[in-house]
């Protein structure tokens, strides 16, 4: 199939031109500081910590009787 190129002339490509960048913002060096409000936020007082529980007593030493059945049960382990 032949294309008729005479009826559609080629359009020369136009170079891409980027838009100029916006100018940087101007900064004044000796500007007066803006007044800022000092805000103090007061929270309700924290609840007191829970009282410390006393330390548990040390484990009582178990005194085994001289029961022979108990001694044999213990020696089996």
PDB file of N, CA and C in Angstrom:
ATOM      1  N   UNK A   1       0.850  -1.176   0.000  1.00  0.00           N
ATOM      2  CA  UNK A   1       0.000   0.000   0.000  1.00  0.00           C
ATOM      3  C   UNK A   1       0.893   1.236   0.000  1.00  0.00           C
ATOM      4  N   UNK A   2       0.626   2.135  -0.892  1.00  0.00           N
ATOM      5  CA  UNK A   2       1.423   3.345  -1.002  1.00  0.00           C
ATOM      6  C   UNK A   2       0.689   4.502  -0.342  1.00  0.00           C
ATOM      7  N   UNK A   3       1.453   5.305   0.370  1.00  0.00           N
ATOM      8  CA  UNK A   3       0.866   6.472   1.025  1.00  0.00           C
ATOM      9  C   UNK A   3       1.087   7.696   0.155  1.00  0.00           C
ATOM     10  N   UNK A   4       0.099   8.505   0.084  1.00  0.00           N
ATOM     11  CA  UNK A   4       0.216   9.736  -0.681  1.00  0.00           C
ATOM     12  C   UNK A   4       0.801  10.799   0.238  1.00  0.00           C
ATOM     13  N   UNK A   5       2.078  11.095   0.094  1.00  0.00           N
ATOM     14  CA  UNK A   5       2.738  12.060   0.972  1.00  0.00           C
ATOM     15  C   UNK A   5       2.605  13.480   0.471  1.00  0.00           C
ATOM     16  N   UNK A   6       2.084  13.665  -0.714  1.00  0.00           N
ATOM     17  CA  UNK A   6       1.958  15.027  -1.229  1.00  0.00           C
ATOM     18  C   UNK A   6       0.805  15.764  -0.566  1.00  0.00           C
ATOM     19  N   UNK A   7      -0.237  15.042  -0.181  1.00  0.00           N
ATOM     20  CA  UNK A   7      -1.369  15.727   0.447  1.00  0.00           C
ATOM     21  C   UNK A   7      -1.113  16.010   1.928  1.00  0.00           C
ATOM     22  N   UNK A   8      -0.137  15.313   2.536  1.00  0.00           N
ATOM     23  CA  UNK A   8       0.201  15.523   3.958  1.00  0.00           C
ATOM     24  C   UNK A   8       1.655  15.942   4.045  1.00  0.00           C
ATOM     25  N   UNK A   9       1.944  17.198   3.882  1.00  0.00           N
ATOM     26  CA  UNK A   9       3.351  17.587   3.982  1.00  0.00           C
ATOM     27  C   UNK A   9       3.834  17.444   5.428  1.00  0.00           C
ATOM     28  N   UNK A  10       5.090  17.103   5.591  1.00  0.00           N
ATOM     29  CA  UNK A  10       5.664  16.954   6.935  1.00  0.00           C
ATOM     30  C   UNK A  10       5.854  18.323   7.568  1.00  0.00           C
ATOM     31  N   UNK A  11       5.463  18.418   8.820  1.00  0.00           N
ATOM     32  CA  UNK A  11       5.620  19.669   9.558  1.00  0.00           C
ATOM     33  C   UNK A  11       6.958  19.601  10.270  1.00  0.00           C
ATOM     34  N   UNK A  12       7.813  20.595  10.076  1.00  0.00           N
ATOM     35  CA  UNK A  12       9.104  20.539  10.771  1.00  0.00           C
ATOM     36  C   UNK A  12       8.887  20.604  12.283  1.00  0.00           C
ATOM     37  N   UNK A  13       9.680  19.824  12.997  1.00  0.00           N
ATOM     38  CA  UNK A  13       9.541  19.764  14.460  1.00  0.00           C
ATOM     39  C   UNK A  13      10.014  21.065  15.073  1.00  0.00           C
ATOM     40  N   UNK A  14       9.238  21.549  16.017  1.00  0.00           N
ATOM     41  CA  UNK A  14       9.634  22.766  16.723  1.00  0.00           C
ATOM     42  C   UNK A  14      10.396  22.351  17.976  1.00  0.00           C
ATOM     43  N   UNK A  15      11.493  23.015  18.248  1.00  0.00           N
ATOM     44  CA  UNK A  15      12.255  22.634  19.452  1.00  0.00           C
ATOM     45  C   UNK A  15      11.435  22.925  20.711  1.00  0.00           C
ATOM     46  N   UNK A  16      11.618  22.058  21.709  1.00  0.00           N
ATOM     47  CA  UNK A  16      10.895  22.215  22.973  1.00  0.00           C
ATOM     48  C   UNK A  16      11.551  23.320  23.781  1.00  0.00           C
ATOM     49  N   UNK A  17      10.743  24.266  24.179  1.00  0.00           N
ATOM     50  CA  UNK A  17      11.249  25.376  24.979  1.00  0.00           C
ATOM     51  C   UNK A  17      10.596  25.277  26.350  1.00  0.00           C
ATOM     52  N   UNK A  18      11.421  25.109  27.370  1.00  0.00           N
ATOM     53  CA  UNK A  18      10.894  25.003  28.735  1.00  0.00           C
ATOM     54  C   UNK A  18      10.472  26.374  29.229  1.00  0.00           C
ATOM     55  N   UNK A  19       9.462  26.370  30.080  1.00  0.00           N
ATOM     56  CA  UNK A  19       9.019  27.638  30.659  1.00  0.00           C
ATOM     57  C   UNK A  19      10.070  28.109  31.650  1.00  0.00           C
ATOM     58  N   UNK A  20      10.273  29.409  31.728  1.00  0.00           N
ATOM     59  CA  UNK A  20      11.287  29.890  32.672  1.00  0.00           C
ATOM     60  C   UNK A  20      10.848  29.613  34.112  1.00  0.00           C
ATOM     61  N   UNK A  21      11.824  29.324  34.943  1.00  0.00           N
ATOM     62  CA  UNK A  21      11.536  29.034  36.350  1.00  0.00           C
ATOM     63  C   UNK A  21      11.123  30.318  37.050  1.00  0.00           C
ATOM     64  N   UNK A  22      10.228  30.208  38.030  1.00  0.00           N
ATOM     65  CA  UNK A  22       9.841  31.421  38.760  1.00  0.00           C
ATOM     66  C   UNK A  22      11.031  31.943  39.554  1.00  0.00           C
ATOM     67  N   UNK A  23      11.097  33.245  39.762  1.00  0.00           N
ATOM     68  CA  UNK A  23      12.236  33.794  40.511  1.00  0.00           C
ATOM     69  C   UNK A  23      12.192  33.316  41.963  1.00  0.00           C
ATOM     70  N   UNK A  24      13.353  33.174  42.584  1.00  0.00           N
ATOM     71  CA  UNK A  24      13.358  32.734  43.986  1.00  0.00           C
ATOM     72  C   UNK A  24      12.742  33.810  44.871  1.00  0.00           C
ATOM     73  N   UNK A  25      12.169  33.408  45.994  1.00  0.00           N
ATOM     74  CA  UNK A  25      11.559  34.410  46.881  1.00  0.00           C
ATOM     75  C   UNK A  25      12.633  35.313  47.470  1.00  0.00           C
ATOM     76  N   UNK A  26      12.264  36.548  47.668  1.00  0.00           N
ATOM     77  CA  UNK A  26      13.220  37.495  48.233  1.00  0.00           C
ATOM     78  C   UNK A  26      13.226  37.343  49.746  1.00  0.00           C
ATOM     79  N   UNK A  27      14.411  37.373  50.291  1.00  0.00           N
ATOM     80  CA  UNK A  27      14.574  37.210  51.734  1.00  0.00           C
ATOM     81  C   UNK A  27      15.215  38.472  52.266  1.00  0.00           C
ATOM     82  N   UNK A  28      14.569  39.075  53.243  1.00  0.00           N
ATOM     83  CA  UNK A  28      15.160  40.251  53.870  1.00  0.00           C
ATOM     84  C   UNK A  28      15.907  39.788  55.109  1.00  0.00           C
ATOM     85  N   UNK A  29      17.132  40.240  55.232  1.00  0.00           N
ATOM     86  CA  UNK A  29      17.997  39.741  56.295  1.00  0.00           C
ATOM     87  C   UNK A  29      17.656  40.391  57.625  1.00  0.00           C
ATOM     88  N   UNK A  30      17.399  41.666  57.632  1.00  0.00           N
ATOM     89  CA  UNK A  30      17.182  42.381  58.880  1.00  0.00           C
ATOM     90  C   UNK A  30      15.694  42.558  59.162  1.00  0.00           C
ATOM     91  N   UNK A  31      14.922  41.547  58.903  1.00  0.00           N
ATOM     92  CA  UNK A  31      13.484  41.656  59.150  1.00  0.00           C
ATOM     93  C   UNK A  31      13.221  41.562  60.649  1.00  0.00           C
ATOM     94  N   UNK A  32      12.235  42.303  61.095  1.00  0.00           N
ATOM     95  CA  UNK A  32      11.878  42.237  62.508  1.00  0.00           C
ATOM     96  C   UNK A  32      11.133  40.931  62.764  1.00  0.00           C
ATOM     97  N   UNK A  33      11.450  40.264  63.874  1.00  0.00           N
ATOM     98  CA  UNK A  33      10.761  38.992  64.154  1.00  0.00           C
ATOM     99  C   UNK A  33       9.291  39.240  64.468  1.00  0.00           C
ATOM    100  N   UNK A  34       8.486  38.330  64.008  1.00  0.00           N
ATOM    101  CA  UNK A  34       7.061  38.459  64.305  1.00  0.00           C
ATOM    102  C   UNK A  34       6.820  38.100  65.765  1.00  0.00           C
ATOM    103  N   UNK A  35       5.867  38.767  66.349  1.00  0.00           N
ATOM    104  CA  UNK A  35       5.558  38.469  67.743  1.00  0.00           C
ATOM    105  C   UNK A  35       4.815  37.144  67.813  1.00  0.00           C
ATOM    106  N   UNK A  36       5.322  36.282  68.655  1.00  0.00           N
ATOM    107  CA  UNK A  36       4.661  34.991  68.841  1.00  0.00           C
ATOM    108  C   UNK A  36       4.125  34.932  70.253  1.00  0.00           C
ATOM    109  N   UNK A  37       2.991  34.328  70.393  1.00  0.00           N
ATOM    110  CA  UNK A  37       2.370  34.226  71.710  1.00  0.00           C
ATOM    111  C   UNK A  37       2.982  33.048  72.454  1.00  0.00           C
ATOM    112  N   UNK A  38       3.358  33.293  73.695  1.00  0.00           N
ATOM    113  CA  UNK A  38       3.847  32.207  74.541  1.00  0.00           C
ATOM    114  C   UNK A  38       2.639  31.516  75.147  1.00  0.00           C
ATOM    115  N   UNK A  39       2.463  30.278  74.810  1.00  0.00           N
ATOM    116  CA  UNK A  39       1.303  29.531  75.278  1.00  0.00           C
ATOM    117  C   UNK A  39       1.773  28.532  76.311  1.00  0.00           C
ATOM    118  N   UNK A  40       1.187  28.589  77.467  1.00  0.00           N
ATOM    119  CA  UNK A  40       1.507  27.651  78.535  1.00  0.00           C
ATOM    120  C   UNK A  40       0.304  26.748  78.717  1.00  0.00           C
ATOM    121  N   UNK A  41       0.499  25.487  78.475  1.00  0.00           N
ATOM    122  CA  UNK A  41      -0.597  24.532  78.587  1.00  0.00           C
ATOM    123  C   UNK A  41      -0.500  23.881  79.952  1.00  0.00           C
ATOM    124  N   UNK A  42      -1.559  24.021  80.714  1.00  0.00           N
ATOM    125  CA  UNK A  42      -1.578  23.437  82.053  1.00  0.00           C
ATOM    126  C   UNK A  42      -2.415  22.172  82.028  1.00  0.00           C
ATOM    127  N   UNK A  43      -1.812  21.096  82.422  1.00  0.00           N
ATOM    128  CA  UNK A  43      -2.513  19.828  82.511  1.00  0.00           C
ATOM    129  C   UNK A  43      -2.866  19.569  83.969  1.00  0.00           C
ATOM    130  N   UNK A  44      -3.904  18.782  84.218  1.00  0.00           N
ATOM    131  CA  UNK A  44      -4.206  18.458  85.617  1.00  0.00           C
ATOM    132  C   UNK A  44      -3.051  17.653  86.213  1.00  0.00           C
ATOM    133  N   UNK A  45      -2.877  17.762  87.527  1.00  0.00           N
ATOM    134  CA  UNK A  45      -1.749  17.045  88.133  1.00  0.00           C
ATOM    135  C   UNK A  45      -1.901  15.536  87.954  1.00  0.00           C
ATOM    136  N   UNK A  46      -0.779  14.896  87.808  1.00  0.00           N
ATOM    137  CA  UNK A  46      -0.790  13.442  87.624  1.00  0.00           C
ATOM    138  C   UNK A  46      -1.191  12.769  88.933  1.00  0.00           C
ATOM    139  N   UNK A  47      -1.895  11.660  88.845  1.00  0.00           N
ATOM    140  CA  UNK A  47      -2.263  10.968  90.083  1.00  0.00           C
ATOM    141  C   UNK A  47      -1.006  10.433  90.763  1.00  0.00           C
ATOM    142  N   UNK A  48      -1.048  10.323  92.081  1.00  0.00           N
ATOM    143  CA  UNK A  48       0.137   9.824  92.781  1.00  0.00           C
ATOM    144  C   UNK A  48       0.393   8.368  92.398  1.00  0.00           C
ATOM    145  N   UNK A  49       1.633   7.968  92.434  1.00  0.00           N
ATOM    146  CA  UNK A  49       1.927   6.576  92.085  1.00  0.00           C
ATOM    147  C   UNK A  49       1.321   5.631  93.120  1.00  0.00           C
ATOM    148  N   UNK A  50       1.014   4.423  92.714  1.00  0.00           N
ATOM    149  CA  UNK A  50       0.430   3.492  93.678  1.00  0.00           C
ATOM    150  C   UNK A  50       1.447   3.167  94.767  1.00  0.00           C
ATOM    151  N   UNK A  51       0.957   2.904  95.965  1.00  0.00           N
ATOM    152  CA  UNK A  51       1.900   2.597  97.049  1.00  0.00           C
ATOM    153  C   UNK A  51       2.638   1.290  96.742  1.00  0.00           C
ATOM    154  N   UNK A  52       3.861   1.266  97.170  1.00  0.00           N
ATOM    155  CA  UNK A  52       4.662   0.072  96.946  1.00  0.00           C
ATOM    156  C   UNK A  52       4.201  -1.044  97.877  1.00  0.00           C
ATOM    157  N   UNK A  53       4.076  -2.206  97.298  1.00  0.00           N
ATOM    158  CA  UNK A  53       3.702  -3.349  98.133  1.00  0.00           C
ATOM    159  C   UNK A  53       4.946  -3.842  98.859  1.00  0.00           C
ATOM    160  N   UNK A  54       4.766  -4.315 100.081  1.00  0.00           N
ATOM    161  CA  UNK A  54       5.940  -4.847 100.780  1.00  0.00           C
ATOM    162  C   UNK A  54       6.448  -6.097 100.059  1.00  0.00           C
ATOM    163  N   UNK A  55       7.716  -6.323 100.192  1.00  0.00           N
ATOM    164  CA  UNK A  55       8.315  -7.484  99.543  1.00  0.00           C
ATOM    165  C   UNK A  55       7.728  -8.755 100.147  1.00  0.00           C
ATOM    166  N   UNK A  56       7.503  -9.753  99.314  1.00  0.00           N
ATOM    167  CA  UNK A  56       6.957 -10.993  99.868  1.00  0.00           C
ATOM    168  C   UNK A  56       7.974 -11.637 100.805  1.00  0.00           C
ATOM    169  N   UNK A  57       7.481 -12.324 101.786  1.00  0.00           N
ATOM    170  CA  UNK A  57       8.422 -12.964 102.719  1.00  0.00           C
ATOM    171  C   UNK A  57       9.237 -14.030 101.979  1.00  0.00           C
ATOM    172  N   UNK A  58      10.412 -14.283 102.453  1.00  0.00           N
ATOM    173  CA  UNK A  58      11.207 -15.310 101.796  1.00  0.00           C
ATOM    174  C   UNK A  58      10.513 -16.666 101.926  1.00  0.00           C
ATOM    175  N   UNK A  59      10.730 -17.527 100.963  1.00  0.00           N
ATOM    176  CA  UNK A  59      10.055 -18.822 101.047  1.00  0.00           C
ATOM    177  C   UNK A  59      10.508 -19.583 102.287  1.00  0.00           C
ATOM    178  N   UNK A  60       9.534 -20.155 102.918  1.00  0.00           N
ATOM    179  CA  UNK A  60       9.841 -20.910 104.138  1.00  0.00           C
ATOM    180  C   UNK A  60      10.586 -22.184 103.759  1.00  0.00           C
ATOM    181  N   UNK A  61      11.564 -22.485 104.540  1.00  0.00           N
ATOM    182  CA  UNK A  61      12.295 -23.727 104.288  1.00  0.00           C
ATOM    183  C   UNK A  61      11.407 -24.888 104.696  1.00  0.00           C
ATOM    184  N   UNK A  62      11.312 -25.829 103.824  1.00  0.00           N
ATOM    185  CA  UNK A  62      10.463 -26.984 104.102  1.00  0.00           C
ATOM    186  C   UNK A  62      11.279 -28.011 104.865  1.00  0.00           C
ATOM    187  N   UNK A  63      10.759 -28.374 105.977  1.00  0.00           N
ATOM    188  CA  UNK A  63      11.435 -29.399 106.769  1.00  0.00           C
ATOM    189  C   UNK A  63      10.731 -30.717 106.516  1.00  0.00           C
ATOM    190  N   UNK A  64      11.468 -31.620 105.954  1.00  0.00           N
ATOM    191  CA  UNK A  64      10.885 -32.924 105.668  1.00  0.00           C
ATOM    192  C   UNK A  64      11.001 -33.804 106.906  1.00  0.00           C
ATOM    193  N   UNK A  65       9.968 -34.545 107.062  1.00  0.00           N
ATOM    194  CA  UNK A  65      10.023 -35.493 108.177  1.00  0.00           C
ATOM    195  C   UNK A  65      10.901 -36.674 107.775  1.00  0.00           C
ATOM    196  N   UNK A  66      11.164 -37.477 108.693  1.00  0.00           N
ATOM    197  CA  UNK A  66      12.008 -38.641 108.418  1.00  0.00           C
ATOM    198  C   UNK A  66      11.170 -39.817 107.958  1.00  0.00           C
ATOM    199  N   UNK A  67      10.014 -39.505 107.378  1.00  0.00           N
ATOM    200  CA  UNK A  67       9.154 -40.574 106.888  1.00  0.00           C
ATOM    201  C   UNK A  67       9.875 -41.303 105.750  1.00  0.00           C
ATOM    202  N   UNK A  68       9.943 -42.581 105.823  1.00  0.00           N
ATOM    203  CA  UNK A  68      10.674 -43.369 104.841  1.00  0.00           C
ATOM    204  C   UNK A  68       9.974 -43.303 103.485  1.00  0.00           C
ATOM    205  N   UNK A  69       8.662 -43.317 103.453  1.00  0.00           N
ATOM    206  CA  UNK A  69       7.942 -43.258 102.185  1.00  0.00           C
ATOM    207  C   UNK A  69       8.195 -41.940 101.459  1.00  0.00           C
ATOM    208  N   UNK A  70       8.234 -40.858 102.224  1.00  0.00           N
ATOM    209  CA  UNK A  70       8.496 -39.558 101.610  1.00  0.00           C
ATOM    210  C   UNK A  70       9.929 -39.482 101.098  1.00  0.00           C
ATOM    211  N   UNK A  71      10.856 -40.026 101.868  1.00  0.00           N
ATOM    212  CA  UNK A  71      12.250 -40.008 101.435  1.00  0.00           C
ATOM    213  C   UNK A  71      12.443 -40.839 100.173  1.00  0.00           C
ATOM    214  N   UNK A  72      11.776 -41.948 100.067  1.00  0.00           N
ATOM    215  CA  UNK A  72      11.935 -42.763  98.862  1.00  0.00           C
ATOM    216  C   UNK A  72      11.287 -42.075  97.663  1.00  0.00           C
ATOM    217  N   UNK A  73      10.192 -41.371  97.878  1.00  0.00           N
ATOM    218  CA  UNK A  73       9.578 -40.631  96.772  1.00  0.00           C
ATOM    219  C   UNK A  73      10.513 -39.523  96.287  1.00  0.00           C
ATOM    220  N   UNK A  74      11.171 -38.874  97.224  1.00  0.00           N
ATOM    221  CA  UNK A  74      12.078 -37.799  96.841  1.00  0.00           C
ATOM    222  C   UNK A  74      13.318 -38.341  96.142  1.00  0.00           C
ATOM    223  N   UNK A  75      13.780 -39.488  96.557  1.00  0.00           N
ATOM    224  CA  UNK A  75      14.996 -40.040  95.972  1.00  0.00           C
ATOM    225  C   UNK A  75      14.745 -40.634  94.602  1.00  0.00           C
ATOM    226  N   UNK A  76      13.497 -40.891  94.225  1.00  0.00           N
ATOM    227  CA  UNK A  76      13.206 -41.462  92.916  1.00  0.00           C
ATOM    228  C   UNK A  76      13.406 -40.426  91.807  1.00  0.00           C
ATOM    229  N   UNK A  77      13.295 -39.178  92.089  1.00  0.00           N
ATOM    230  CA  UNK A  77      13.449 -38.158  91.050  1.00  0.00           C
ATOM    231  C   UNK A  77      14.866 -38.018  90.741  1.00  0.00           C
TER     232      UNK A  77
END
